[in-house]
Amino acid sequence: TISRDNAKNTVYLQMNSLKPEDTAVYYCNAVYRSNVAWGQGTQVTV
């Protein structure tokens, strides 16, 4: 489930029932006007 809290300038990804195939580096992305931005990524290992 993806959600956002505009008051905290934060987007969340709630991940349930995780499977080994979900193992990956997860990256946050923002598209704002003419800008596209990426985070550095966070490792998820199942």
All heavy atoms as atom14 arrays in JSON, in Angstrom:
{
  "sequence": "TISRDNAKNTVYLQMNSLKPEDTAVYYCNAVYRSNVAWGQGTQVTV",
  "atom14_mask": [
    [1, 1, 1, 1, 1, 1, 1, 0, 0, 0, 0, 0, 0, 0],
    [1, 1, 1, 1, 1, 1, 1, 1, 0, 0, 0, 0, 0, 0],
    [1, 1, 1, 1, 1, 1, 0, 0, 0, 0, 0, 0, 0, 0],
    [1, 1, 1, 1, 1, 1, 1, 1, 1, 1, 1, 0, 0, 0],
    [1, 1, 1, 1, 1, 1, 1, 1, 0, 0, 0, 0, 0, 0],
    [1, 1, 1, 1, 1, 1, 1, 1, 0, 0, 0, 0, 0, 0],
    [1, 1, 1, 1, 1, 0, 0, 0, 0, 0, 0, 0, 0, 0],
    [1, 1, 1, 1, 1, 1, 1, 1, 1, 0, 0, 0, 0, 0],
    [1, 1, 1, 1, 1, 1, 1, 1, 0, 0, 0, 0, 0, 0],
    [1, 1, 1, 1, 1, 1, 1, 0, 0, 0, 0, 0, 0, 0],
    [1, 1, 1, 1, 1, 1, 1, 0, 0, 0, 0, 0, 0, 0],
    [1, 1, 1, 1, 1, 1, 1, 1, 1, 1, 1, 1, 0, 0],
    [1, 1, 1, 1, 1, 1, 1, 1, 0, 0, 0, 0, 0, 0],
    [1, 1, 1, 1, 1, 1, 1, 1, 1, 0, 0, 0, 0, 0],
    [1, 1, 1, 1, 1, 1, 1, 1, 0, 0, 0, 0, 0, 0],
    [1, 1, 1, 1, 1, 1, 1, 1, 0, 0, 0, 0, 0, 0],
    [1, 1, 1, 1, 1, 1, 0, 0, 0, 0, 0, 0, 0, 0],
    [1, 1, 1, 1, 1, 1, 1, 1, 0, 0, 0, 0, 0, 0],
    [1, 1, 1, 1, 1, 1, 1, 1, 1, 0, 0, 0, 0, 0],
    [1, 1, 1, 1, 1, 1, 1, 0, 0, 0, 0, 0, 0, 0],
    [1, 1, 1, 1, 1, 1, 1, 1, 1, 0, 0, 0, 0, 0],
    [1, 1, 1, 1, 1, 1, 1, 1, 0, 0, 0, 0, 0, 0],
    [1, 1, 1, 1, 1, 1, 1, 0, 0, 0, 0, 0, 0, 0],
    [1, 1, 1, 1, 1, 0, 0, 0, 0, 0, 0, 0, 0, 0],
    [1, 1, 1, 1, 1, 1, 1, 0, 0, 0, 0, 0, 0, 0],
    [1, 1, 1, 1, 1, 1, 1, 1, 1, 1, 1, 1, 0, 0],
    [1, 1, 1, 1, 1, 1, 1, 1, 1, 1, 1, 1, 0, 0],
    [1, 1, 1, 1, 1, 1, 0, 0, 0, 0, 0, 0, 0, 0],
    [1, 1, 1, 1, 1, 1, 1, 1, 0, 0, 0, 0, 0, 0],
    [1, 1, 1, 1, 1, 0, 0, 0, 0, 0, 0, 0, 0, 0],
    [1, 1, 1, 1, 1, 1, 1, 0, 0, 0, 0, 0, 0, 0],
    [1, 1, 1, 1, 1, 1, 1, 1, 1, 1, 1, 1, 0, 0],
    [1, 1, 1, 1, 1, 1, 1, 1, 1, 1, 1, 0, 0, 0],
    [1, 1, 1, 1, 1, 1, 0, 0, 0, 0, 0, 0, 0, 0],
    [1, 1, 1, 1, 1, 1, 1, 1, 0, 0, 0, 0, 0, 0],
    [1, 1, 1, 1, 1, 1, 1, 0, 0, 0, 0, 0, 0, 0],
    [1, 1, 1, 1, 1, 0, 0, 0, 0, 0, 0, 0, 0, 0],
    [1, 1, 1, 1, 1, 1, 1, 1, 1, 1, 1, 1, 1, 1],
    [1, 1, 1, 1, 0, 0, 0, 0, 0, 0, 0, 0, 0, 0],
    [1, 1, 1, 1, 1, 1, 1, 1, 1, 0, 0, 0, 0, 0],
    [1, 1, 1, 1, 0, 0, 0, 0, 0, 0, 0, 0, 0, 0],
    [1, 1, 1, 1, 1, 1, 1, 0, 0, 0, 0, 0, 0, 0],
    [1, 1, 1, 1, 1, 1, 1, 1, 1, 0, 0, 0, 0, 0],
    [1, 1, 1, 1, 1, 1, 1, 0, 0, 0, 0, 0, 0, 0],
    [1, 1, 1, 1, 1, 1, 1, 0, 0, 0, 0, 0, 0, 0],
    [1, 1, 1, 1, 1, 1, 1, 0, 0, 0, 0, 0, 0, 0]
  ],
  "atom14_positions": [
    [[0.84, -1.18, 0.0], [0.0, 0.0, 0.0], [0.88, 1.24, 0.0], [1.74, 1.39, 0.87], [-0.93, 0.04, 1.22], [-1.75, -1.13, 1.25], [-1.84, 1.27, 1.15], [0.0, 0.0, 0.0], [0.0, 0.0, 0.0], [0.0, 0.0, 0.0], [0.0, 0.0, 0.0], [0.0, 0.0, 0.0], [0.0, 0.0, 0.0], [0.0, 0.0, 0.0]],
    [[0.66, 2.11, -0.97], [1.37, 3.38, -1.01], [0.46, 4.46, -0.42], [-0.75, 4.47, -0.65], [1.82, 3.74, -2.44], [2.74, 4.96, -2.44], [0.63, 3.95, -3.37], [3.42, 5.2, -3.78], [0.0, 0.0, 0.0], [0.0, 0.0, 0.0], [0.0, 0.0, 0.0], [0.0, 0.0, 0.0], [0.0, 0.0, 0.0], [0.0, 0.0, 0.0]],
    [[1.05, 5.36, 0.34], [0.28, 6.45, 0.93], [1.18, 7.66, 1.07], [2.4, 7.58, 0.91], [-0.29, 6.04, 2.3], [0.74, 5.72, 3.21], [0.0, 0.0, 0.0], [0.0, 0.0, 0.0], [0.0, 0.0, 0.0], [0.0, 0.0, 0.0], [0.0, 0.0, 0.0], [0.0, 0.0, 0.0], [0.0, 0.0, 0.0], [0.0, 0.0, 0.0]],
    [[0.57, 8.79, 1.36], [1.35, 10.01, 1.53], [0.79, 10.84, 2.66], [-0.4, 10.81, 2.95], [1.38, 10.82, 0.22], [0.03, 11.36, -0.23], [0.1, 11.87, -1.67], [1.01, 12.99, -1.8], [1.59, 13.36, -2.95], [1.36, 12.66, -4.06], [2.4, 14.4, -2.97], [0.0, 0.0, 0.0], [0.0, 0.0, 0.0], [0.0, 0.0, 0.0]],
    [[1.67, 11.57, 3.31], [1.31, 12.5, 4.36], [1.88, 13.85, 3.96], [3.07, 14.1, 4.14], [1.85, 12.05, 5.71], [1.35, 12.9, 6.86], [0.93, 14.05, 6.63], [1.38, 12.42, 8.01], [0.0, 0.0, 0.0], [0.0, 0.0, 0.0], [0.0, 0.0, 0.0], [0.0, 0.0, 0.0], [0.0, 0.0, 0.0], [0.0, 0.0, 0.0]],
    [[1.04, 14.69, 3.39], [1.52, 15.97, 2.88], [2.03, 16.88, 3.99], [2.91, 17.71, 3.76], [0.42, 16.67, 2.09], [0.13, 16.0, 0.76], [0.9, 15.16, 0.29], [-0.99, 16.36, 0.14], [0.0, 0.0, 0.0], [0.0, 0.0, 0.0], [0.0, 0.0, 0.0], [0.0, 0.0, 0.0], [0.0, 0.0, 0.0], [0.0, 0.0, 0.0]],
    [[1.49, 16.74, 5.19], [1.95, 17.55, 6.31], [3.38, 17.21, 6.71], [4.08, 18.04, 7.28], [1.02, 17.39, 7.51], [0.0, 0.0, 0.0], [0.0, 0.0, 0.0], [0.0, 0.0, 0.0], [0.0, 0.0, 0.0], [0.0, 0.0, 0.0], [0.0, 0.0, 0.0], [0.0, 0.0, 0.0], [0.0, 0.0, 0.0], [0.0, 0.0, 0.0]],
    [[3.81, 15.98, 6.42], [5.15, 15.53, 6.76], [6.07, 15.44, 5.55], [7.22, 15.03, 5.68], [5.1, 14.18, 7.46], [4.38, 14.19, 8.79], [4.41, 12.82, 9.44], [3.73, 12.85, 10.79], [3.74, 11.51, 11.43], [0.0, 0.0, 0.0], [0.0, 0.0, 0.0], [0.0, 0.0, 0.0], [0.0, 0.0, 0.0], [0.0, 0.0, 0.0]],
    [[5.56, 15.8, 4.37], [6.34, 15.7, 3.13], [6.92, 14.3, 2.96], [8.09, 14.13, 2.58], [7.46, 16.73, 3.09], [6.96, 18.13, 2.76], [5.77, 18.4, 2.76], [7.89, 19.03, 2.47], [0.0, 0.0, 0.0], [0.0, 0.0, 0.0], [0.0, 0.0, 0.0], [0.0, 0.0, 0.0], [0.0, 0.0, 0.0], [0.0, 0.0, 0.0]],
    [[6.11, 13.29, 3.22], [6.6, 11.93, 3.24], [5.65, 11.0, 2.5], [4.43, 11.12, 2.62], [6.77, 11.43, 4.69], [7.71, 12.28, 5.36], [7.29, 10.01, 4.71], [0.0, 0.0, 0.0], [0.0, 0.0, 0.0], [0.0, 0.0, 0.0], [0.0, 0.0, 0.0], [0.0, 0.0, 0.0], [0.0, 0.0, 0.0], [0.0, 0.0, 0.0]],
    [[6.23, 10.09, 1.73], [5.47, 9.02, 1.09], [5.9, 7.7, 1.71], [7.08, 7.52, 2.05], [5.65, 9.03, -0.45], [7.1, 8.77, -0.84], [4.72, 8.02, -1.11], [0.0, 0.0, 0.0], [0.0, 0.0, 0.0], [0.0, 0.0, 0.0], [0.0, 0.0, 0.0], [0.0, 0.0, 0.0], [0.0, 0.0, 0.0], [0.0, 0.0, 0.0]],
    [[4.96, 6.79, 1.87], [5.21, 5.51, 2.51], [4.9, 4.36, 1.56], [4.08, 4.48, 0.66], [4.35, 5.35, 3.76], [4.51, 6.45, 4.77], [3.62, 7.52, 4.79], [5.53, 6.42, 5.71], [3.75, 8.53, 5.72], [5.66, 7.43, 6.64], [4.78, 8.48, 6.65], [4.91, 9.48, 7.58], [0.0, 0.0, 0.0], [0.0, 0.0, 0.0]],
    [[5.54, 3.24, 1.82], [5.18, 1.99, 1.16], [5.08, 0.92, 2.23], [6.1, 0.48, 2.77], [6.21, 1.59, 0.1], [5.85, 0.35, -0.72], [4.65, 0.63, -1.62], [7.04, -0.12, -1.55], [0.0, 0.0, 0.0], [0.0, 0.0, 0.0], [0.0, 0.0, 0.0], [0.0, 0.0, 0.0], [0.0, 0.0, 0.0], [0.0, 0.0, 0.0]],
    [[3.86, 0.55, 2.56], [3.62, -0.53, 3.5], [3.66, -1.84, 2.74], [2.89, -2.04, 1.8], [2.26, -0.36, 4.18], [1.9, -1.47, 5.15], [2.8, -1.5, 6.37], [3.06, -0.46, 6.97], [3.29, -2.68, 6.73], [0.0, 0.0, 0.0], [0.0, 0.0, 0.0], [0.0, 0.0, 0.0], [0.0, 0.0, 0.0], [0.0, 0.0, 0.0]],
    [[4.55, -2.73, 3.13], [4.75, -4.0, 2.44], [4.4, -5.13, 3.39], [5.06, -5.32, 4.42], [6.2, -4.13, 1.96], [6.66, -2.98, 1.07], [8.33, -3.22, 0.41], [9.28, -3.14, 1.93], [0.0, 0.0, 0.0], [0.0, 0.0, 0.0], [0.0, 0.0, 0.0], [0.0, 0.0, 0.0], [0.0, 0.0, 0.0], [0.0, 0.0, 0.0]],
    [[3.37, -5.88, 3.05], [2.93, -7.02, 3.83], [3.1, -8.3, 3.03], [3.23, -8.27, 1.82], [1.47, -6.85, 4.25], [1.22, -5.64, 5.11], [2.06, -5.25, 5.91], [0.04, -5.04, 4.96], [0.0, 0.0, 0.0], [0.0, 0.0, 0.0], [0.0, 0.0, 0.0], [0.0, 0.0, 0.0], [0.0, 0.0, 0.0], [0.0, 0.0, 0.0]],
    [[3.05, -9.41, 3.74], [3.16, -10.73, 3.1], [4.34, -10.79, 2.15], [4.24, -11.24, 1.01], [1.86, -11.08, 2.37], [0.76, -11.08, 3.25], [0.0, 0.0, 0.0], [0.0, 0.0, 0.0], [0.0, 0.0, 0.0], [0.0, 0.0, 0.0], [0.0, 0.0, 0.0], [0.0, 0.0, 0.0], [0.0, 0.0, 0.0], [0.0, 0.0, 0.0]],
    [[5.48, -10.35, 2.64], [6.66, -10.26, 1.79], [7.13, -11.64, 1.32], [7.04, -12.63, 2.05], [7.78, -9.55, 2.53], [7.61, -8.02, 2.59], [8.48, -7.43, 3.68], [7.95, -7.4, 1.24], [0.0, 0.0, 0.0], [0.0, 0.0, 0.0], [0.0, 0.0, 0.0], [0.0, 0.0, 0.0], [0.0, 0.0, 0.0], [0.0, 0.0, 0.0]],
    [[7.63, -11.66, 0.1], [8.12, -12.86, -0.54], [9.59, -12.69, -0.89], [10.05, -11.56, -1.08], [7.34, -13.15, -1.82], [5.83, -13.27, -1.64], [5.14, -13.41, -2.99], [3.64, -13.52, -2.83], [2.96, -13.64, -4.15], [0.0, 0.0, 0.0], [0.0, 0.0, 0.0], [0.0, 0.0, 0.0], [0.0, 0.0, 0.0], [0.0, 0.0, 0.0]],
    [[10.35, -13.78, -1.01], [11.75, -13.64, -1.41], [11.93, -12.87, -2.71], [12.93, -12.15, -2.86], [12.21, -15.1, -1.54], [11.37, -15.83, -0.56], [10.02, -15.16, -0.64], [0.0, 0.0, 0.0], [0.0, 0.0, 0.0], [0.0, 0.0, 0.0], [0.0, 0.0, 0.0], [0.0, 0.0, 0.0], [0.0, 0.0, 0.0], [0.0, 0.0, 0.0]],
    [[11.0, -12.99, -3.64], [11.11, -12.27, -4.9], [10.91, -10.77, -4.76], [11.11, -10.02, -5.72], [10.15, -12.84, -5.95], [8.71, -12.94, -5.48], [8.34, -14.33, -5.02], [9.15, -14.95, -4.28], [7.26, -14.82, -5.39], [0.0, 0.0, 0.0], [0.0, 0.0, 0.0], [0.0, 0.0, 0.0], [0.0, 0.0, 0.0], [0.0, 0.0, 0.0]],
    [[10.52, -10.29, -3.58], [10.46, -8.86, -3.32], [11.83, -8.28, -2.99], [11.97, -7.05, -2.87], [9.5, -8.56, -2.17], [8.06, -8.91, -2.48], [7.62, -8.63, -3.62], [7.38, -9.45, -1.6], [0.0, 0.0, 0.0], [0.0, 0.0, 0.0], [0.0, 0.0, 0.0], [0.0, 0.0, 0.0], [0.0, 0.0, 0.0], [0.0, 0.0, 0.0]],
    [[12.82, -9.13, -2.81], [14.17, -8.67, -2.49], [14.69, -7.77, -3.6], [14.74, -8.16, -4.77], [15.11, -9.85, -2.28], [14.68, -10.6, -1.14], [16.54, -9.39, -2.07], [0.0, 0.0, 0.0], [0.0, 0.0, 0.0], [0.0, 0.0, 0.0], [0.0, 0.0, 0.0], [0.0, 0.0, 0.0], [0.0, 0.0, 0.0], [0.0, 0.0, 0.0]],
    [[15.08, -6.56, -3.25], [15.55, -5.58, -4.22], [15.98, -4.32, -3.49], [15.75, -4.17, -2.29], [14.43, -5.23, -5.22], [0.0, 0.0, 0.0], [0.0, 0.0, 0.0], [0.0, 0.0, 0.0], [0.0, 0.0, 0.0], [0.0, 0.0, 0.0], [0.0, 0.0, 0.0], [0.0, 0.0, 0.0], [0.0, 0.0, 0.0], [0.0, 0.0, 0.0]],
    [[16.61, -3.43, -4.24], [16.81, -2.07, -3.76], [15.59, -1.27, -4.17], [15.21, -1.25, -5.34], [18.09, -1.44, -4.33], [18.23, 0.01, -3.87], [19.31, -2.25, -3.93], [0.0, 0.0, 0.0], [0.0, 0.0, 0.0], [0.0, 0.0, 0.0], [0.0, 0.0, 0.0], [0.0, 0.0, 0.0], [0.0, 0.0, 0.0], [0.0, 0.0, 0.0]],
    [[14.98, -0.61, -3.21], [13.77, 0.16, -3.45], [14.12, 1.64, -3.51], [14.8, 2.17, -2.63], [12.75, -0.09, -2.34], [12.04, -1.42, -2.49], [12.72, -2.61, -2.26], [10.71, -1.49, -2.89], [12.1, -3.83, -2.41], [10.08, -2.71, -3.04], [10.77, -3.87, -2.8], [10.14, -5.09, -2.96], [0.0, 0.0, 0.0], [0.0, 0.0, 0.0]],
    [[13.63, 2.3, -4.55], [13.93, 3.7, -4.81], [12.67, 4.55, -4.77], [11.64, 4.18, -5.34], [14.57, 3.88, -6.18], [15.9, 3.2, -6.36], [15.98, 1.91, -6.88], [17.08, 3.84, -6.01], [17.2, 1.28, -7.04], [18.3, 3.22, -6.17], [18.36, 1.94, -6.69], [19.57, 1.32, -6.86], [0.0, 0.0, 0.0], [0.0, 0.0, 0.0]],
    [[12.77, 5.68, -4.13], [11.7, 6.67, -4.12], [11.86, 7.6, -5.32], [12.99, 7.94, -5.71], [11.77, 7.47, -2.82], [10.49, 8.71, -2.61], [0.0, 0.0, 0.0], [0.0, 0.0, 0.0], [0.0, 0.0, 0.0], [0.0, 0.0, 0.0], [0.0, 0.0, 0.0], [0.0, 0.0, 0.0], [0.0, 0.0, 0.0], [0.0, 0.0, 0.0]],
    [[10.76, 7.99, -5.9], [10.75, 8.84, -7.09], [9.76, 9.98, -6.91], [8.69, 9.79, -6.33], [10.38, 7.99, -8.31], [9.96, 8.81, -9.52], [8.77, 9.02, -9.74], [10.93, 9.24, -10.29], [0.0, 0.0, 0.0], [0.0, 0.0, 0.0], [0.0, 0.0, 0.0], [0.0, 0.0, 0.0], [0.0, 0.0, 0.0], [0.0, 0.0, 0.0]],
    [[10.12, 11.14, -7.42], [9.22, 12.29, -7.41], [9.21, 12.94, -8.78], [10.26, 13.11, -9.4], [9.65, 13.31, -6.36], [0.0, 0.0, 0.0], [0.0, 0.0, 0.0], [0.0, 0.0, 0.0], [0.0, 0.0, 0.0], [0.0, 0.0, 0.0], [0.0, 0.0, 0.0], [0.0, 0.0, 0.0], [0.0, 0.0, 0.0], [0.0, 0.0, 0.0]],
    [[8.03, 13.29, -9.23], [7.86, 14.07, -10.46], [7.14, 15.35, -10.08], [6.0, 15.31, -9.61], [7.07, 13.3, -11.53], [6.9, 14.16, -12.78], [7.76, 11.99, -11.87], [0.0, 0.0, 0.0], [0.0, 0.0, 0.0], [0.0, 0.0, 0.0], [0.0, 0.0, 0.0], [0.0, 0.0, 0.0], [0.0, 0.0, 0.0], [0.0, 0.0, 0.0]],
    [[7.84, 16.46, -10.28], [7.33, 17.75, -9.86], [7.68, 18.77, -10.93], [8.86, 19.05, -11.17], [7.94, 18.14, -8.51], [7.7, 19.57, -8.08], [6.42, 20.01, -7.77], [8.75, 20.47, -7.98], [6.19, 21.32, -7.38], [8.53, 21.77, -7.58], [7.25, 22.2, -7.29], [7.03, 23.5, -6.89], [0.0, 0.0, 0.0], [0.0, 0.0, 0.0]],
    [[6.66, 19.28, -11.59], [6.84, 20.24, -12.68], [7.84, 19.68, -13.7], [7.59, 18.64, -14.31], [7.23, 21.59, -12.12], [6.17, 22.16, -11.17], [6.46, 23.55, -10.69], [6.35, 24.53, -11.78], [6.44, 25.84, -11.62], [6.62, 26.35, -10.41], [6.33, 26.65, -12.67], [0.0, 0.0, 0.0], [0.0, 0.0, 0.0], [0.0, 0.0, 0.0]],
    [[8.96, 20.33, -13.9], [9.96, 19.88, -14.87], [11.02, 18.97, -14.25], [11.98, 18.59, -14.93], [10.64, 21.07, -15.53], [9.71, 21.86, -16.23], [0.0, 0.0, 0.0], [0.0, 0.0, 0.0], [0.0, 0.0, 0.0], [0.0, 0.0, 0.0], [0.0, 0.0, 0.0], [0.0, 0.0, 0.0], [0.0, 0.0, 0.0], [0.0, 0.0, 0.0]],
    [[10.86, 18.61, -12.99], [11.89, 17.88, -12.28], [11.51, 16.41, -12.06], [10.36, 16.1, -11.78], [12.16, 18.52, -10.92], [12.56, 19.97, -11.02], [11.84, 20.86, -10.56], [13.71, 20.22, -11.64], [0.0, 0.0, 0.0], [0.0, 0.0, 0.0], [0.0, 0.0, 0.0], [0.0, 0.0, 0.0], [0.0, 0.0, 0.0], [0.0, 0.0, 0.0]],
    [[12.49, 15.54, -12.2], [12.37, 14.14, -11.84], [13.51, 13.84, -10.89], [14.67, 14.07, -11.22], [12.42, 13.21, -13.05], [12.29, 11.76, -12.61], [11.33, 13.57, -14.04], [0.0, 0.0, 0.0], [0.0, 0.0, 0.0], [0.0, 0.0, 0.0], [0.0, 0.0, 0.0], [0.0, 0.0, 0.0], [0.0, 0.0, 0.0], [0.0, 0.0, 0.0]],
    [[13.19, 13.33, -9.72], [14.2, 13.08, -8.71], [14.12, 11.65, -8.2], [13.05, 11.04, -8.19], [14.04, 14.06, -7.54], [0.0, 0.0, 0.0], [0.0, 0.0, 0.0], [0.0, 0.0, 0.0], [0.0, 0.0, 0.0], [0.0, 0.0, 0.0], [0.0, 0.0, 0.0], [0.0, 0.0, 0.0], [0.0, 0.0, 0.0], [0.0, 0.0, 0.0]],
    [[15.27, 11.14, -7.79], [15.38, 9.79, -7.24], [16.13, 9.82, -5.93], [17.08, 10.59, -5.75], [16.14, 8.87, -8.21], [15.44, 8.65, -9.51], [15.57, 9.36, -10.65], [14.49, 7.62, -9.79], [14.76, 8.85, -11.64], [14.09, 7.78, -11.13], [13.95, 6.58, -9.03], [13.16, 6.94, -11.74], [13.02, 5.74, -9.63], [12.65, 5.92, -10.97]],
    [[15.72, 8.96, -5.02], [16.48, 8.76, -3.81], [17.64, 7.82, -4.05], [17.84, 7.3, -5.15], [0.0, 0.0, 0.0], [0.0, 0.0, 0.0], [0.0, 0.0, 0.0], [0.0, 0.0, 0.0], [0.0, 0.0, 0.0], [0.0, 0.0, 0.0], [0.0, 0.0, 0.0], [0.0, 0.0, 0.0], [0.0, 0.0, 0.0], [0.0, 0.0, 0.0]],
    [[18.43, 7.59, -3.01], [19.59, 6.73, -3.11], [19.26, 5.25, -3.04], [20.06, 4.41, -3.43], [20.6, 7.08, -2.01], [21.27, 8.43, -2.2], [22.15, 8.47, -3.42], [23.05, 7.65, -3.57], [21.88, 9.41, -4.32], [0.0, 0.0, 0.0], [0.0, 0.0, 0.0], [0.0, 0.0, 0.0], [0.0, 0.0, 0.0], [0.0, 0.0, 0.0]],
    [[18.08, 4.93, -2.57], [17.65, 3.56, -2.48], [17.85, 2.97, -1.09], [18.73, 3.38, -0.34], [0.0, 0.0, 0.0], [0.0, 0.0, 0.0], [0.0, 0.0, 0.0], [0.0, 0.0, 0.0], [0.0, 0.0, 0.0], [0.0, 0.0, 0.0], [0.0, 0.0, 0.0], [0.0, 0.0, 0.0], [0.0, 0.0, 0.0], [0.0, 0.0, 0.0]],
    [[17.02, 2.0, -0.78], [17.15, 1.28, 0.48], [16.96, -0.21, 0.2], [16.08, -0.61, -0.57], [16.13, 1.79, 1.53], [16.35, 1.14, 2.78], [14.69, 1.56, 1.08], [0.0, 0.0, 0.0], [0.0, 0.0, 0.0], [0.0, 0.0, 0.0], [0.0, 0.0, 0.0], [0.0, 0.0, 0.0], [0.0, 0.0, 0.0], [0.0, 0.0, 0.0]],
    [[17.83, -1.03, 0.79], [17.83, -2.46, 0.52], [16.74, -3.16, 1.32], [16.63, -2.98, 2.53], [19.19, -3.07, 0.86], [19.27, -4.58, 0.69], [19.26, -5.0, -0.76], [19.99, -4.44, -1.58], [18.42, -5.99, -1.09], [0.0, 0.0, 0.0], [0.0, 0.0, 0.0], [0.0, 0.0, 0.0], [0.0, 0.0, 0.0], [0.0, 0.0, 0.0]],
    [[15.97, -3.97, 0.63], [15.0, -4.86, 1.26], [15.38, -6.29, 0.91], [15.48, -6.64, -0.27], [13.56, -4.56, 0.79], [12.59, -5.62, 1.31], [13.13, -3.18, 1.25], [0.0, 0.0, 0.0], [0.0, 0.0, 0.0], [0.0, 0.0, 0.0], [0.0, 0.0, 0.0], [0.0, 0.0, 0.0], [0.0, 0.0, 0.0], [0.0, 0.0, 0.0]],
    [[15.6, -7.09, 1.93], [15.96, -8.49, 1.73], [14.95, -9.36, 2.46], [14.73, -9.18, 3.66], [17.37, -8.78, 2.24], [18.31, -7.93, 1.56], [17.75, -10.24, 1.98], [0.0, 0.0, 0.0], [0.0, 0.0, 0.0], [0.0, 0.0, 0.0], [0.0, 0.0, 0.0], [0.0, 0.0, 0.0], [0.0, 0.0, 0.0], [0.0, 0.0, 0.0]],
    [[14.35, -10.29, 1.74], [13.35, -11.19, 2.31], [13.9, -12.6, 2.26], [14.18, -13.13, 1.18], [12.02, -11.11, 1.55], [10.98, -11.99, 2.23], [11.54, -9.67, 1.46], [0.0, 0.0, 0.0], [0.0, 0.0, 0.0], [0.0, 0.0, 0.0], [0.0, 0.0, 0.0], [0.0, 0.0, 0.0], [0.0, 0.0, 0.0], [0.0, 0.0, 0.0]]
  ]
}
